[in-house]
């Protein structure tokens, strides 16, 4: 299978990548970059194409959805500081 070939991906994976790419484009990312990021996210979640012969039936990990508790805490603290600073200013 040539590099970049999407035949091994399920319809669900293709829909997910399209949705993610659209979201990136709405935020101002170029089409090519948005598509690359979208497929990277799909690959991280599901480990690549899932059609028969490539591990179909393995559950998705959704690893791209997860953030460590420390990261969430740091983001919450940063947001709080920003809101506090803007309220004073």
Protein backbone atom coordinates (compact mmCIF):
# COMPACT_ATOMS: atom_id res chain seq x y z
CA UNK A 1 0.00 0.00 0.00
CA UNK A 2 1.56 3.34 -1.03
CA UNK A 3 2.26 5.98 1.57
CA UNK A 4 -0.81 8.16 2.11
CA UNK A 5 -3.25 5.55 0.78
CA UNK A 6 -6.52 5.62 2.74
CA UNK A 7 -8.07 2.35 1.47
CA UNK A 8 -7.41 0.52 4.76
CA UNK A 9 -9.43 3.00 6.82
CA UNK A 10 -13.03 2.38 7.79
CA UNK A 11 -15.79 4.79 6.77
CA UNK A 12 -16.02 5.90 10.39
CA UNK A 13 -12.30 6.75 10.47
CA UNK A 14 -12.65 8.71 7.20
CA UNK A 15 -15.64 10.67 8.57
CA UNK A 16 -13.76 11.40 11.78
CA UNK A 17 -10.72 12.70 9.86
CA UNK A 18 -12.93 14.89 7.67
CA UNK A 19 -14.65 16.38 10.71
CA UNK A 20 -11.36 17.09 12.48
CA UNK A 21 -9.86 18.65 9.32
CA UNK A 22 -12.92 20.87 8.89
CA UNK A 23 -12.57 22.06 12.47
CA UNK A 24 -8.91 22.97 11.93
CA UNK A 25 -9.73 24.83 8.71
CA UNK A 26 -12.41 26.85 10.51
CA UNK A 27 -9.69 27.94 12.92
CA UNK A 28 -7.49 29.18 10.07
CA UNK A 29 -5.15 26.24 9.47
CA UNK A 30 -4.31 25.55 5.81
CA UNK A 31 -6.13 22.68 4.09
CA UNK A 32 -3.03 20.47 3.76
CA UNK A 33 -1.94 21.03 7.36
CA UNK A 34 -5.48 20.45 8.64
CA UNK A 35 -5.71 17.16 6.77
CA UNK A 36 -2.30 16.00 8.04
CA UNK A 37 -3.25 16.81 11.64
CA UNK A 38 -6.62 15.09 11.26
CA UNK A 39 -5.11 11.83 10.01
CA UNK A 40 -2.45 11.96 12.72
CA UNK A 41 -5.24 12.21 15.30
CA UNK A 42 -7.17 9.30 13.76
CA UNK A 43 -3.99 7.20 13.70
CA UNK A 44 -3.23 8.02 17.32
CA UNK A 45 -6.75 7.09 18.40
CA UNK A 46 -7.13 3.88 16.43
CA UNK A 47 -3.64 2.77 15.48
CA UNK A 48 -4.17 3.25 11.74
CA UNK A 49 -6.48 1.61 9.23
CA UNK A 50 -8.85 -0.98 10.64
CA UNK A 51 -10.13 -2.88 7.60
CA UNK A 52 -9.63 -6.64 7.61
CA UNK A 53 -6.06 -7.80 7.78
CA UNK A 54 -4.88 -4.84 9.79
CA UNK A 55 -6.26 -5.57 13.23
CA UNK A 56 -9.93 -4.90 12.70
CA UNK A 57 -11.89 -5.24 15.89
CA UNK A 58 -9.33 -3.68 18.21
CA UNK A 59 -10.93 -1.00 20.36
CA UNK A 60 -9.92 2.61 19.78
CA UNK A 61 -7.69 4.02 22.48
CA UNK A 62 -8.86 7.66 22.17
CA UNK A 63 -5.36 8.60 23.32
CA UNK A 64 -5.59 11.98 21.61
CA UNK A 65 -8.55 12.86 23.85
CA UNK A 66 -6.63 12.38 27.06
CA UNK A 67 -4.58 14.91 28.97
CA UNK A 68 -2.70 14.28 32.15
CA UNK A 69 -4.19 15.62 35.35
CA UNK A 70 -1.19 17.91 35.81
CA UNK A 71 -1.78 19.42 32.36
CA UNK A 72 -5.45 20.02 33.12
CA UNK A 73 -4.54 21.56 36.47
CA UNK A 74 -1.93 23.84 34.88
CA UNK A 75 -4.42 24.95 32.23
CA UNK A 76 -7.04 25.67 34.88
CA UNK A 77 -4.57 27.72 36.94
CA UNK A 78 -3.45 29.66 33.88
CA UNK A 79 -7.06 30.42 32.95
CA UNK A 80 -7.84 31.56 36.46
CA UNK A 81 -4.82 33.88 36.51
CA UNK A 82 -5.81 35.36 33.15
CA UNK A 83 -9.39 36.00 34.28
CA UNK A 84 -8.18 37.53 37.54
CA UNK A 85 -5.70 39.80 35.74
CA UNK A 86 -8.29 40.98 33.20
CA UNK A 87 -10.83 41.68 35.92
CA UNK A 88 -8.36 43.96 37.69
CA UNK A 89 -7.18 45.75 34.57
